[in-house]
Structure formats: structure tokens, C-alpha cells
PDB file of N, CA and C in Angstrom:
ATOM      1  N   UNK A   1     -10.329  -3.039   6.403  1.00  0.00           N
ATOM      2  CA  UNK A   1      -9.202  -3.873   6.552  1.00  0.00           C
ATOM      3  C   UNK A   1      -7.934  -3.022   6.073  1.00  0.00           C
ATOM      4  N   UNK A   2      -6.936  -2.759   7.088  1.00  0.00           N
ATOM      5  CA  UNK A   2      -5.768  -2.052   7.027  1.00  0.00           C
ATOM      6  C   UNK A   2      -5.007  -3.015   6.076  1.00  0.00           C
ATOM      7  N   UNK A   3      -4.109  -2.135   5.451  1.00  0.00           N
ATOM      8  CA  UNK A   3      -3.220  -2.944   4.624  1.00  0.00           C
ATOM      9  C   UNK A   3      -2.173  -3.625   5.675  1.00  0.00           C
ATOM     10  N   UNK A   4      -1.557  -4.879   5.138  1.00  0.00           N
ATOM     11  CA  UNK A   4      -0.642  -5.563   5.932  1.00  0.00           C
ATOM     12  C   UNK A   4       0.725  -5.313   6.219  1.00  0.00           C
ATOM     13  N   UNK A   5       1.588  -5.500   7.038  1.00  0.00           N
ATOM     14  CA  UNK A   5       2.880  -5.238   7.137  1.00  0.00           C
ATOM     15  C   UNK A   5       3.587  -6.204   6.261  1.00  0.00           C
ATOM     16  N   UNK A   6       4.840  -5.625   5.764  1.00  0.00           N
ATOM     17  CA  UNK A   6       5.439  -6.869   5.131  1.00  0.00           C
ATOM     18  C   UNK A   6       7.130  -6.707   5.149  1.00  0.00           C
ATOM     19  N   UNK A   7       7.676  -7.575   5.325  1.00  0.00           N
ATOM     20  CA  UNK A   7       9.146  -7.511   5.319  1.00  0.00           C
ATOM     21  C   UNK A   7       9.703  -8.071   4.152  1.00  0.00           C
ATOM     22  N   UNK A   8      10.562  -7.030   3.698  1.00  0.00           N
ATOM     23  CA  UNK A   8      10.955  -7.438   2.387  1.00  0.00           C
ATOM     24  C   UNK A   8      12.035  -8.318   2.220  1.00  0.00           C
ATOM     25  N   UNK A   9      11.534  -9.683   1.752  1.00  0.00           N
ATOM     26  CA  UNK A   9      12.057 -11.075   1.860  1.00  0.00           C
ATOM     27  C   UNK A   9      12.516 -11.389   0.372  1.00  0.00           C
ATOM     28  N   UNK A  10      11.577 -10.929  -0.492  1.00  0.00           N
ATOM     29  CA  UNK A  10      11.821 -11.319  -1.819  1.00  0.00           C
ATOM     30  C   UNK A  10      12.199 -10.228  -2.567  1.00  0.00           C
ATOM     31  N   UNK A  11      12.726 -10.611  -3.981  1.00  0.00           N
ATOM     32  CA  UNK A  11      13.241  -9.525  -4.823  1.00  0.00           C
ATOM     33  C   UNK A  11      12.030  -8.948  -5.608  1.00  0.00           C
ATOM     34  N   UNK A  12      11.074  -9.854  -5.715  1.00  0.00           N
ATOM     35  CA  UNK A  12      10.015  -9.288  -6.486  1.00  0.00           C
ATOM     36  C   UNK A  12       8.566  -9.585  -6.335  1.00  0.00           C
ATOM     37  N   UNK A  13       7.721  -9.082  -6.131  1.00  0.00           N
ATOM     38  CA  UNK A  13       6.212  -9.497  -5.520  1.00  0.00           C
ATOM     39  C   UNK A  13       5.018  -9.397  -6.916  1.00  0.00           C
ATOM     40  N   UNK A  14       4.243 -10.545  -6.932  1.00  0.00           N
ATOM     41  CA  UNK A  14       3.358 -10.502  -7.887  1.00  0.00           C
ATOM     42  C   UNK A  14       2.378  -9.113  -7.665  1.00  0.00           C
ATOM     43  N   UNK A  15       1.235  -8.944  -8.826  1.00  0.00           N
ATOM     44  CA  UNK A  15       0.520  -7.641  -8.486  1.00  0.00           C
ATOM     45  C   UNK A  15      -0.648  -8.121  -7.446  1.00  0.00           C
ATOM     46  N   UNK A  16      -0.661  -9.675  -7.395  1.00  0.00           N
ATOM     47  CA  UNK A  16      -1.834  -9.905  -6.436  1.00  0.00           C
ATOM     48  C   UNK A  16      -1.219  -9.866  -5.066  1.00  0.00           C
ATOM     49  N   UNK A  17       0.012 -10.177  -4.800  1.00  0.00           N
ATOM     50  CA  UNK A  17       0.671  -9.834  -3.614  1.00  0.00           C
ATOM     51  C   UNK A  17       0.499  -8.644  -2.934  1.00  0.00           C
ATOM     52  N   UNK A  18       0.847  -7.718  -3.794  1.00  0.00           N
ATOM     53  CA  UNK A  18       1.039  -6.205  -3.739  1.00  0.00           C
ATOM     54  C   UNK A  18      -0.222  -5.742  -3.413  1.00  0.00           C
ATOM     55  N   UNK A  19      -1.489  -6.054  -4.142  1.00  0.00           N
ATOM     56  CA  UNK A  19      -2.778  -5.839  -3.757  1.00  0.00           C
ATOM     57  C   UNK A  19      -3.262  -6.378  -2.532  1.00  0.00           C
ATOM     58  N   UNK A  20      -2.601  -7.396  -2.054  1.00  0.00           N
ATOM     59  CA  UNK A  20      -3.268  -8.095  -0.597  1.00  0.00           C
ATOM     60  C   UNK A  20      -2.346  -7.411   0.372  1.00  0.00           C
ATOM     61  N   UNK A  21      -1.188  -6.906  -0.078  1.00  0.00           N
ATOM     62  CA  UNK A  21      -0.527  -5.917   0.946  1.00  0.00           C
ATOM     63  C   UNK A  21      -1.290  -4.526   1.247  1.00  0.00           C
ATOM     64  N   UNK A  22      -1.849  -4.133   0.300  1.00  0.00           N
ATOM     65  CA  UNK A  22      -2.488  -2.807   0.382  1.00  0.00           C
ATOM     66  C   UNK A  22      -3.761  -2.996   0.761  1.00  0.00           C
ATOM     67  N   UNK A  23      -4.437  -4.002   0.573  1.00  0.00           N
ATOM     68  CA  UNK A  23      -5.753  -4.109   0.887  1.00  0.00           C
ATOM     69  C   UNK A  23      -6.605  -3.654  -0.240  1.00  0.00           C
ATOM     70  N   UNK A  24      -6.278  -3.686  -1.399  1.00  0.00           N
ATOM     71  CA  UNK A  24      -6.839  -2.926  -2.483  1.00  0.00           C
ATOM     72  C   UNK A  24      -7.029  -4.200  -3.587  1.00  0.00           C
ATOM     73  N   UNK A  25      -7.805  -3.878  -4.988  1.00  0.00           N
ATOM     74  CA  UNK A  25      -7.712  -4.425  -5.989  1.00  0.00           C
ATOM     75  C   UNK A  25      -6.748  -4.636  -6.782  1.00  0.00           C
ATOM     76  N   UNK A  26      -6.370  -5.475  -7.491  1.00  0.00           N
ATOM     77  CA  UNK A  26      -5.326  -5.641  -8.515  1.00  0.00           C
ATOM     78  C   UNK A  26      -5.524  -4.568  -9.454  1.00  0.00           C
ATOM     79  N   UNK A  27      -6.649  -4.295  -9.903  1.00  0.00           N
ATOM     80  CA  UNK A  27      -7.015  -3.273 -10.813  1.00  0.00           C
ATOM     81  C   UNK A  27      -6.494  -1.873 -10.502  1.00  0.00           C
ATOM     82  N   UNK A  28      -6.674  -1.555  -9.155  1.00  0.00           N
ATOM     83  CA  UNK A  28      -6.417  -0.364  -8.583  1.00  0.00           C
ATOM     84  C   UNK A  28      -4.804  -0.267  -8.599  1.00  0.00           C
ATOM     85  N   UNK A  29      -4.192  -1.428  -8.086  1.00  0.00           N
ATOM     86  CA  UNK A  29      -2.816  -1.428  -8.316  1.00  0.00           C
ATOM     87  C   UNK A  29      -2.368  -1.262  -9.692  1.00  0.00           C
ATOM     88  N   UNK A  30      -2.801  -1.843 -10.589  1.00  0.00           N
ATOM     89  CA  UNK A  30      -2.605  -1.422 -12.013  1.00  0.00           C
ATOM     90  C   UNK A  30      -2.590  -0.068 -12.391  1.00  0.00           C
ATOM     91  N   UNK A  31      -3.752   0.518 -12.188  1.00  0.00           N
ATOM     92  CA  UNK A  31      -4.039   1.797 -12.640  1.00  0.00           C
ATOM     93  C   UNK A  31      -2.948   2.852 -11.630  1.00  0.00           C
ATOM     94  N   UNK A  32      -2.788   2.565 -10.462  1.00  0.00           N
ATOM     95  CA  UNK A  32      -1.858   3.599  -9.827  1.00  0.00           C
ATOM     96  C   UNK A  32      -0.594   3.258 -10.622  1.00  0.00           C
ATOM     97  N   UNK A  33      -0.081   2.055 -11.114  1.00  0.00           N
ATOM     98  CA  UNK A  33       1.338   1.617 -11.438  1.00  0.00           C
ATOM     99  C   UNK A  33       1.480   2.436 -13.017  1.00  0.00           C
ATOM    100  N   UNK A  34       0.257   2.622 -13.712  1.00  0.00           N
ATOM    101  CA  UNK A  34       0.294   3.307 -14.890  1.00  0.00           C
ATOM    102  C   UNK A  34       0.189   4.999 -14.767  1.00  0.00           C
ATOM    103  N   UNK A  35      -0.471   5.279 -13.670  1.00  0.00           N
ATOM    104  CA  UNK A  35      -0.803   6.730 -13.273  1.00  0.00           C
ATOM    105  C   UNK A  35       0.515   7.391 -12.778  1.00  0.00           C
ATOM    106  N   UNK A  36       1.125   6.443 -12.103  1.00  0.00           N
ATOM    107  CA  UNK A  36       2.378   6.896 -11.347  1.00  0.00           C
ATOM    108  C   UNK A  36       3.806   6.146 -11.862  1.00  0.00           C
ATOM    109  N   UNK A  37       3.900   6.152 -13.078  1.00  0.00           N
ATOM    110  CA  UNK A  37       4.991   5.524 -13.726  1.00  0.00           C
ATOM    111  C   UNK A  37       6.341   5.913 -13.580  1.00  0.00           C
ATOM    112  N   UNK A  38       6.176   7.170 -13.243  1.00  0.00           N
ATOM    113  CA  UNK A  38       8.019   7.707 -12.867  1.00  0.00           C
ATOM    114  C   UNK A  38       8.150   7.264 -11.490  1.00  0.00           C
ATOM    115  N   UNK A  39       7.409   6.631 -10.458  1.00  0.00           N
ATOM    116  CA  UNK A  39       7.579   6.234  -9.363  1.00  0.00           C
ATOM    117  C   UNK A  39       7.708   4.629  -8.728  1.00  0.00           C
ATOM    118  N   UNK A  40       6.791   4.177  -9.841  1.00  0.00           N
ATOM    119  CA  UNK A  40       6.695   2.731  -9.660  1.00  0.00           C
ATOM    120  C   UNK A  40       6.902   2.144 -11.187  1.00  0.00           C
ATOM    121  N   UNK A  41       8.033   1.238 -11.265  1.00  0.00           N
ATOM    122  CA  UNK A  41       8.226   0.716 -12.495  1.00  0.00           C
ATOM    123  C   UNK A  41       8.424  -0.800 -12.105  1.00  0.00           C
ATOM    124  N   UNK A  42       7.313  -1.446 -12.243  1.00  0.00           N
ATOM    125  CA  UNK A  42       7.501  -3.127 -12.178  1.00  0.00           C
ATOM    126  C   UNK A  42       8.158  -3.591 -13.341  1.00  0.00           C
ATOM    127  N   UNK A  43       8.794  -4.673 -13.066  1.00  0.00           N
ATOM    128  CA  UNK A  43       9.662  -5.441 -14.149  1.00  0.00           C
ATOM    129  C   UNK A  43       8.663  -6.468 -14.827  1.00  0.00           C
ATOM    130  N   UNK A  44       8.600  -6.676 -15.966  1.00  0.00           N
ATOM    131  CA  UNK A  44       7.659  -7.594 -16.380  1.00  0.00           C
ATOM    132  C   UNK A  44       8.647  -8.825 -16.993  1.00  0.00           C
ATOM    133  N   UNK A  45       8.067 -10.076 -16.555  1.00  0.00           N
ATOM    134  CA  UNK A  45       8.707 -11.208 -16.956  1.00  0.00           C
ATOM    135  C   UNK A  45       8.351 -11.641 -18.356  1.00  0.00           C
ATOM    136  N   UNK A  46       8.572 -12.793 -18.904  1.00  0.00           N
ATOM    137  CA  UNK A  46       8.474 -13.256 -20.252  1.00  0.00           C
ATOM    138  C   UNK A  46       6.946 -13.516 -20.448  1.00  0.00           C
ATOM    139  N   UNK A  47       6.047 -13.558 -19.596  1.00  0.00           N
ATOM    140  CA  UNK A  47       4.545 -13.690 -19.762  1.00  0.00           C
ATOM    141  C   UNK A  47       3.855 -12.222 -19.725  1.00  0.00           C
ATOM    142  N   UNK A  48       4.574 -11.103 -19.201  1.00  0.00           N
ATOM    143  CA  UNK A  48       4.153 -10.008 -19.349  1.00  0.00           C
ATOM    144  C   UNK A  48       3.574  -9.645 -18.107  1.00  0.00           C
ATOM    145  N   UNK A  49       3.825 -10.546 -16.990  1.00  0.00           N
ATOM    146  CA  UNK A  49       3.180 -10.338 -15.565  1.00  0.00           C
ATOM    147  C   UNK A  49       4.185  -9.157 -15.198  1.00  0.00           C
ATOM    148  N   UNK A  50       3.461  -8.317 -14.294  1.00  0.00           N
ATOM    149  CA  UNK A  50       4.513  -7.338 -13.449  1.00  0.00           C
ATOM    150  C   UNK A  50       4.645  -7.788 -12.126  1.00  0.00           C
ATOM    151  N   UNK A  51       6.026  -7.543 -12.180  1.00  0.00           N
ATOM    152  CA  UNK A  51       6.589  -8.015 -10.805  1.00  0.00           C
ATOM    153  C   UNK A  51       7.262  -6.556  -9.971  1.00  0.00           C
ATOM    154  N   UNK A  52       6.795  -6.603  -8.701  1.00  0.00           N
ATOM    155  CA  UNK A  52       7.081  -5.319  -8.315  1.00  0.00           C
ATOM    156  C   UNK A  52       8.466  -5.523  -6.971  1.00  0.00           C
ATOM    157  N   UNK A  53       9.162  -4.580  -6.872  1.00  0.00           N
ATOM    158  CA  UNK A  53      10.092  -4.607  -6.046  1.00  0.00           C
ATOM    159  C   UNK A  53       9.724  -3.794  -4.586  1.00  0.00           C
ATOM    160  N   UNK A  54      10.525  -4.285  -3.771  1.00  0.00           N
ATOM    161  CA  UNK A  54      10.280  -3.594  -2.212  1.00  0.00           C
ATOM    162  C   UNK A  54      10.107  -2.062  -2.410  1.00  0.00           C
ATOM    163  N   UNK A  55      11.025  -1.263  -3.421  1.00  0.00           N
ATOM    164  CA  UNK A  55      11.042   0.007  -3.395  1.00  0.00           C
ATOM    165  C   UNK A  55       9.622   0.412  -4.117  1.00  0.00           C
ATOM    166  N   UNK A  56       9.118  -0.432  -5.172  1.00  0.00           N
ATOM    167  CA  UNK A  56       8.013   0.053  -5.767  1.00  0.00           C
ATOM    168  C   UNK A  56       6.719  -0.313  -4.757  1.00  0.00           C
ATOM    169  N   UNK A  57       6.745  -1.118  -3.755  1.00  0.00           N
ATOM    170  CA  UNK A  57       5.814  -1.197  -2.768  1.00  0.00           C
ATOM    171  C   UNK A  57       5.611  -0.174  -1.860  1.00  0.00           C
ATOM    172  N   UNK A  58       7.100   0.289  -1.388  1.00  0.00           N
ATOM    173  CA  UNK A  58       7.003   1.581  -0.568  1.00  0.00           C
ATOM    174  C   UNK A  58       6.409   2.681  -1.417  1.00  0.00           C
ATOM    175  N   UNK A  59       6.662   3.009  -2.479  1.00  0.00           N
ATOM    176  CA  UNK A  59       6.114   4.152  -3.360  1.00  0.00           C
ATOM    177  C   UNK A  59       4.685   3.884  -3.463  1.00  0.00           C
ATOM    178  N   UNK A  60       4.100   2.644  -3.554  1.00  0.00           N
ATOM    179  CA  UNK A  60       2.556   2.357  -3.574  1.00  0.00           C
ATOM    180  C   UNK A  60       1.990   2.720  -2.247  1.00  0.00           C
ATOM    181  N   UNK A  61       2.554   2.456  -1.078  1.00  0.00           N
ATOM    182  CA  UNK A  61       2.174   2.715  -0.028  1.00  0.00           C
ATOM    183  C   UNK A  61       2.043   4.258   0.170  1.00  0.00           C
ATOM    184  N   UNK A  62       3.010   4.840  -0.195  1.00  0.00           N
ATOM    185  CA  UNK A  62       2.890   6.383  -0.040  1.00  0.00           C
ATOM    186  C   UNK A  62       1.843   6.821  -1.059  1.00  0.00           C
ATOM    187  N   UNK A  63       1.684   6.249  -2.073  1.00  0.00           N
ATOM    188  CA  UNK A  63       0.429   6.780  -3.277  1.00  0.00           C
ATOM    189  C   UNK A  63      -0.845   6.288  -2.322  1.00  0.00           C
ATOM    190  N   UNK A  64      -0.844   4.958  -1.657  1.00  0.00           N
ATOM    191  CA  UNK A  64      -2.289   4.771  -0.995  1.00  0.00           C
ATOM    192  C   UNK A  64      -2.516   5.847   0.392  1.00  0.00           C
ATOM    193  N   UNK A  65      -1.610   6.318   0.767  1.00  0.00           N
ATOM    194  CA  UNK A  65      -1.498   7.176   1.949  1.00  0.00           C
ATOM    195  C   UNK A  65      -2.067   8.421   1.294  1.00  0.00           C
ATOM    196  N   UNK A  66      -1.607   8.950   0.430  1.00  0.00           N
ATOM    197  CA  UNK A  66      -2.055  10.354  -0.234  1.00  0.00           C
ATOM    198  C   UNK A  66      -3.270  10.415  -0.819  1.00  0.00           C
ATOM    199  N   UNK A  67      -3.758   9.253  -1.588  1.00  0.00           N
ATOM    200  CA  UNK A  67      -4.942   9.310  -2.097  1.00  0.00           C
ATOM    201  C   UNK A  67      -6.058   8.732  -1.398  1.00  0.00           C
ATOM    202  N   UNK A  68      -5.829   7.615  -0.590  1.00  0.00           N
ATOM    203  CA  UNK A  68      -6.743   7.259   0.418  1.00  0.00           C
ATOM    204  C   UNK A  68      -7.064   7.757   1.529  1.00  0.00           C
ATOM    205  N   UNK A  69      -5.946   8.073   2.427  1.00  0.00           N
ATOM    206  CA  UNK A  69      -5.700   8.619   3.648  1.00  0.00           C
ATOM    207  C   UNK A  69      -6.044  10.138   3.568  1.00  0.00           C
ATOM    208  N   UNK A  70      -5.194  10.730   2.784  1.00  0.00           N
ATOM    209  CA  UNK A  70      -5.045  12.288   2.822  1.00  0.00           C
ATOM    210  C   UNK A  70      -6.155  12.721   1.772  1.00  0.00           C
ATOM    211  N   UNK A  71      -6.833  12.039   1.025  1.00  0.00           N
ATOM    212  CA  UNK A  71      -7.926  12.263   0.166  1.00  0.00           C
ATOM    213  C   UNK A  71      -7.322  13.408  -0.909  1.00  0.00           C
ATOM    214  N   UNK A  72      -6.069  13.068  -1.312  1.00  0.00           N
ATOM    215  CA  UNK A  72      -5.525  13.816  -2.567  1.00  0.00           C
ATOM    216  C   UNK A  72      -6.074  13.379  -3.859  1.00  0.00           C
ATOM    217  N   UNK A  73      -6.158  14.307  -4.948  1.00  0.00           N
ATOM    218  CA  UNK A  73      -6.206  13.912  -6.114  1.00  0.00           C
ATOM    219  C   UNK A  73      -4.961  13.108  -6.741  1.00  0.00           C
ATOM    220  N   UNK A  74      -5.322  12.521  -7.845  1.00  0.00           N
ATOM    221  CA  UNK A  74      -3.881  11.743  -8.300  1.00  0.00           C
ATOM    222  C   UNK A  74      -3.055  12.912  -8.956  1.00  0.00           C
ATOM    223  N   UNK A  75      -3.491  13.928  -9.274  1.00  0.00           N
ATOM    224  CA  UNK A  75      -2.581  14.945  -9.849  1.00  0.00           C
ATOM    225  C   UNK A  75      -1.675  15.581  -8.556  1.00  0.00           C
ATOM    226  N   UNK A  76      -2.617  15.671  -7.511  1.00  0.00           N
ATOM    227  CA  UNK A  76      -1.946  16.544  -6.187  1.00  0.00           C
ATOM    228  C   UNK A  76      -0.988  15.461  -5.632  1.00  0.00           C
ATOM    229  N   UNK A  77      -1.379  14.070  -5.783  1.00  0.00           N
ATOM    230  CA  UNK A  77      -0.297  13.356  -4.992  1.00  0.00           C
ATOM    231  C   UNK A  77       0.749  13.063  -6.069  1.00  0.00           C
ATOM    232  N   UNK A  78       0.575  13.280  -7.281  1.00  0.00           N
ATOM    233  CA  UNK A  78       1.899  13.107  -8.205  1.00  0.00           C
ATOM    234  C   UNK A  78       2.758  14.351  -7.881  1.00  0.00           C
ATOM    235  N   UNK A  79       2.130  15.761  -7.641  1.00  0.00           N
ATOM    236  CA  UNK A  79       3.086  16.837  -7.488  1.00  0.00           C
ATOM    237  C   UNK A  79       3.619  16.470  -6.166  1.00  0.00           C
ATOM    238  N   UNK A  80       2.842  16.042  -5.207  1.00  0.00           N
ATOM    239  CA  UNK A  80       3.382  16.015  -3.889  1.00  0.00           C
ATOM    240  C   UNK A  80       4.752  15.040  -3.772  1.00  0.00           C
ATOM    241  N   UNK A  81       4.713  13.910  -4.821  1.00  0.00           N
ATOM    242  CA  UNK A  81       5.712  12.833  -4.805  1.00  0.00           C
ATOM    243  C   UNK A  81       7.046  13.392  -5.413  1.00  0.00           C
ATOM    244  N   UNK A  82       6.512  14.276  -6.572  1.00  0.00           N
ATOM    245  CA  UNK A  82       7.682  14.889  -7.154  1.00  0.00           C
ATOM    246  C   UNK A  82       8.692  16.153  -6.478  1.00  0.00           C
ATOM    247  N   UNK A  83       7.696  16.570  -5.529  1.00  0.00           N
ATOM    248  CA  UNK A  83       8.338  17.667  -4.608  1.00  0.00           C
ATOM    249  C   UNK A  83       9.046  17.097  -3.631  1.00  0.00           C
ATOM    250  N   UNK A  84       9.197  15.859  -3.419  1.00  0.00           N
ATOM    251  CA  UNK A  84      10.179  15.356  -2.400  1.00  0.00           C
ATOM    252  C   UNK A  84       9.213  14.402  -1.713  1.00  0.00           C
ATOM    253  N   UNK A  85       9.654  13.145  -1.061  1.00  0.00           N
ATOM    254  CA  UNK A  85       8.942  12.310  -0.157  1.00  0.00           C
ATOM    255  C   UNK A  85       9.155  12.550   1.089  1.00  0.00           C
ATOM    256  N   UNK A  86      10.031  13.608   1.537  1.00  0.00           N
ATOM    257  CA  UNK A  86      10.474  13.611   2.875  1.00  0.00           C
ATOM    258  C   UNK A  86       9.375  13.663   4.022  1.00  0.00           C
ATOM    259  N   UNK A  87       9.639  12.420   4.503  1.00  0.00           N
ATOM    260  CA  UNK A  87       8.624  12.066   5.673  1.00  0.00           C
ATOM    261  C   UNK A  87       7.472  11.468   5.377  1.00  0.00           C
ATOM    262  N   UNK A  88       7.115  11.220   3.985  1.00  0.00           N
ATOM    263  CA  UNK A  88       5.947  10.749   3.579  1.00  0.00           C
ATOM    264  C   UNK A  88       6.004   9.275   3.887  1.00  0.00           C
ATOM    265  N   UNK A  89       7.283   8.661   3.451  1.00  0.00           N
ATOM    266  CA  UNK A  89       7.100   7.199   3.863  1.00  0.00           C
ATOM    267  C   UNK A  89       7.032   6.768   5.258  1.00  0.00           C
ATOM    268  N   UNK A  90       7.444   7.572   6.060  1.00  0.00           N
ATOM    269  CA  UNK A  90       7.363   7.292   7.469  1.00  0.00           C
ATOM    270  C   UNK A  90       6.002   7.573   8.032  1.00  0.00           C
ATOM    271  N   UNK A  91       5.218   8.558   7.517  1.00  0.00           N
ATOM    272  CA  UNK A  91       3.889   8.642   7.800  1.00  0.00           C
ATOM    273  C   UNK A  91       3.114   7.539   7.238  1.00  0.00           C
ATOM    274  N   UNK A  92       3.171   7.302   6.005  1.00  0.00           N
ATOM    275  CA  UNK A  92       2.534   6.342   5.567  1.00  0.00           C
ATOM    276  C   UNK A  92       2.796   5.192   6.309  1.00  0.00           C
ATOM    277  N   UNK A  93       4.072   4.751   6.652  1.00  0.00           N
ATOM    278  CA  UNK A  93       4.106   3.493   7.750  1.00  0.00           C
ATOM    279  C   UNK A  93       3.347   3.627   9.027  1.00  0.00           C
ATOM    280  N   UNK A  94       3.379   4.652   9.675  1.00  0.00           N
ATOM    281  CA  UNK A  94       2.918   4.769  10.677  1.00  0.00           C
ATOM    282  C   UNK A  94       1.423   4.684  10.634  1.00  0.00           C
ATOM    283  N   UNK A  95       0.632   5.516   9.764  1.00  0.00           N
ATOM    284  CA  UNK A  95      -0.688   5.373   9.621  1.00  0.00           C
ATOM    285  C   UNK A  95      -1.186   3.710   9.233  1.00  0.00           C
ATOM    286  N   UNK A  96      -0.408   2.983   8.493  1.00  0.00           N
ATOM    287  CA  UNK A  96      -0.661   1.723   8.371  1.00  0.00           C
ATOM    288  C   UNK A  96      -0.416   0.868   9.349  1.00  0.00           C
ATOM    289  N   UNK A  97       0.560   1.088  10.463  1.00  0.00           N
ATOM    290  CA  UNK A  97       0.672   0.289  11.419  1.00  0.00           C
ATOM    291  C   UNK A  97      -0.626   0.699  12.519  1.00  0.00           C
ATOM    292  N   UNK A  98      -0.864   1.982  12.442  1.00  0.00           N
ATOM    293  CA  UNK A  98      -1.885   2.221  13.414  1.00  0.00           C
ATOM    294  C   UNK A  98      -3.475   1.673  12.973  1.00  0.00           C
ATOM    295  N   UNK A  99      -3.589   1.737  11.818  1.00  0.00           N
ATOM    296  CA  UNK A  99      -4.770   0.831  11.121  1.00  0.00           C
ATOM    297  C   UNK A  99      -4.665  -0.470  11.400  1.00  0.00           C
ATOM    298  N   UNK A 100      -3.612  -1.287  11.434  1.00  0.00           N
ATOM    299  CA  UNK A 100      -3.512  -2.730  11.912  1.00  0.00           C
ATOM    300  C   UNK A 100      -3.585  -3.103  13.146  1.00  0.00           C
ATOM    301  N   UNK A 101      -3.094  -2.054  14.222  1.00  0.00           N
ATOM    302  CA  UNK A 101      -3.376  -2.024  15.416  1.00  0.00           C
ATOM    303  C   UNK A 101      -4.881  -1.883  15.939  1.00  0.00           C
ATOM    304  N   UNK A 102      -5.544  -0.964  15.092  1.00  0.00           N
ATOM    305  CA  UNK A 102      -7.063  -0.625  15.406  1.00  0.00           C
ATOM    306  C   UNK A 102      -7.724  -2.059  15.123  1.00  0.00           C
ATOM    307  N   UNK A 103      -7.451  -2.703  13.669  1.00  0.00           N
ATOM    308  CA  UNK A 103      -8.395  -3.800  13.561  1.00  0.00           C
ATOM    309  C   UNK A 103      -8.167  -4.947  14.359  1.00  0.00           C
ATOM    310  N   UNK A 104      -6.964  -5.165  15.153  1.00  0.00           N
ATOM    311  CA  UNK A 104      -6.658  -6.082  15.673  1.00  0.00           C
ATOM    312  C   UNK A 104      -7.323  -5.928  17.053  1.00  0.00           C
ATOM    313  N   UNK A 105      -7.571  -4.724  17.615  1.00  0.00           N
ATOM    314  CA  UNK A 105      -8.025  -4.331  18.678  1.00  0.00           C
ATOM    315  C   UNK A 105      -9.679  -4.550  18.668  1.00  0.00           C
ATOM    316  N   UNK A 106     -10.013  -4.068  17.564  1.00  0.00           N
ATOM    317  CA  UNK A 106     -11.382  -4.414  17.334  1.00  0.00           C
ATOM    318  C   UNK A 106     -11.903  -5.979  17.102  1.00  0.00           C
ATOM    319  N   UNK A 107     -10.703  -6.686  16.733  1.00  0.00           N
ATOM    320  CA  UNK A 107     -11.241  -8.249  16.513  1.00  0.00           C
ATOM    321  C   UNK A 107     -11.117  -8.671  18.082  1.00  0.00           C
ATOM    322  N   UNK A 108     -10.381  -8.173  18.784  1.00  0.00           N
ATOM    323  CA  UNK A 108     -10.054  -8.537  20.282  1.00  0.00           C
ATOM    324  C   UNK A 108     -11.402  -8.337  20.924  1.00  0.00           C
ATOM    325  N   UNK A 109     -11.780  -6.947  20.773  1.00  0.00           N
ATOM    326  CA  UNK A 109     -13.099  -6.667  21.308  1.00  0.00           C
ATOM    327  C   UNK A 109     -14.449  -7.403  20.805  1.00  0.00           C
ATOM    328  N   UNK A 110     -14.519  -7.744  19.509  1.00  0.00           N
ATOM    329  CA  UNK A 110     -15.390  -8.512  19.084  1.00  0.00           C
ATOM    330  C   UNK A 110     -15.447  -9.994  19.733  1.00  0.00           C
ATOM    331  N   UNK A 111     -14.240 -10.476  19.900  1.00  0.00           N
ATOM    332  CA  UNK A 111     -14.116 -11.839  20.460  1.00  0.00           C
ATOM    333  C   UNK A 111     -14.489 -11.959  21.856  1.00  0.00           C
ATOM    334  N   UNK A 112     -14.096 -10.747  22.655  1.00  0.00           N
ATOM    335  CA  UNK A 112     -14.484 -10.818  24.171  1.00  0.00           C
ATOM    336  C   UNK A 112     -16.116 -10.567  24.205  1.00  0.00           C
ATOM    337  N   UNK A 113     -16.755  -9.879  23.380  1.00  0.00           N
ATOM    338  CA  UNK A 113     -18.123  -9.961  23.239  1.00  0.00           C
ATOM    339  C   UNK A 113     -18.820 -11.146  23.148  1.00  0.00           C
ATOM    340  N   UNK A 114     -18.167 -11.910  22.607  1.00  0.00           N
ATOM    341  CA  UNK A 114     -18.766 -13.347  22.019  1.00  0.00           C
ATOM    342  C   UNK A 114     -18.509 -14.319  23.398  1.00  0.00           C
ATOM    343  N   UNK A 115     -17.502 -14.078  23.828  1.00  0.00           N
ATOM    344  CA  UNK A 115     -17.219 -14.992  24.922  1.00  0.00           C
ATOM    345  C   UNK A 115     -18.096 -14.458  26.382  1.00  0.00           C
ATOM    346  N   UNK A 116     -18.314 -13.279  26.313  1.00  0.00           N
ATOM    347  CA  UNK A 116     -19.319 -12.795  27.599  1.00  0.00           C
ATOM    348  C   UNK A 116     -20.840 -13.244  27.227  1.00  0.00           C
ATOM    349  N   UNK A 117     -21.155 -13.785  25.837  1.00  0.00           N
ATOM    350  CA  UNK A 117     -22.425 -13.876  25.672  1.00  0.00           C
ATOM    351  C   UNK A 117     -22.786 -15.298  26.113  1.00  0.00           C
TER     352      UNK A 117
END
């Protein structure tokens, strides 16, 4: 399942919401947050929960694109982000949208097969 599109409407998102947007586990989001601490800096509330800004989510999408789609190592992805994200966020957004479209088309196709039976 492709990660979901979101419209930044809130100031902060919980780690569960971010994980759902990326279609990944909360432990992986937490791991990437710790591994890419210079790019993802969540705010912690009084209980210690991580709260992510829309900018953090955009950076996590780029990390997701580099690590999962481009098959880069964490070190390679960090180096690529340090050298500049020029165009990376647009590529990550396009890939995410295309995956969402593919998922929707597969679902429609599956529903059409069920109707024909």
C-alpha cells in the first residue's frame, strides 16, 4: 500500500499519524528520526511524545523515497540529503502519487472482477 497524501492542516502530527501517512511502522519512523536527526527534529510534549511538523513529514517522505524506492543505504541517503534536496521532494511526491494511483486502479480492477463473476 502506498503512503497516503496529506494536506498540512495541523501544526503537529503524532508518530502514529506519520507512520500511517508513510505506510510504515512507528518503530521505523522512530528509527529514521534518530538516524536523520539533522533533518527530522520532532518536538516533544510534556509526556515525551514526538510531534512532527509538516516539514518533518516532507523530509521523512524524501528519506522513504531514497531508502525504500531508490534502495540507498542510510549513509547514502544522509549524504544525498546533505548535498542538497534539489528536486528530491518533487520526485518523492510524484512517486507517492503514482503509487496511490496504482493502488486505486488495482482496487477498481479487483472490484470489476468481482462484479463480472
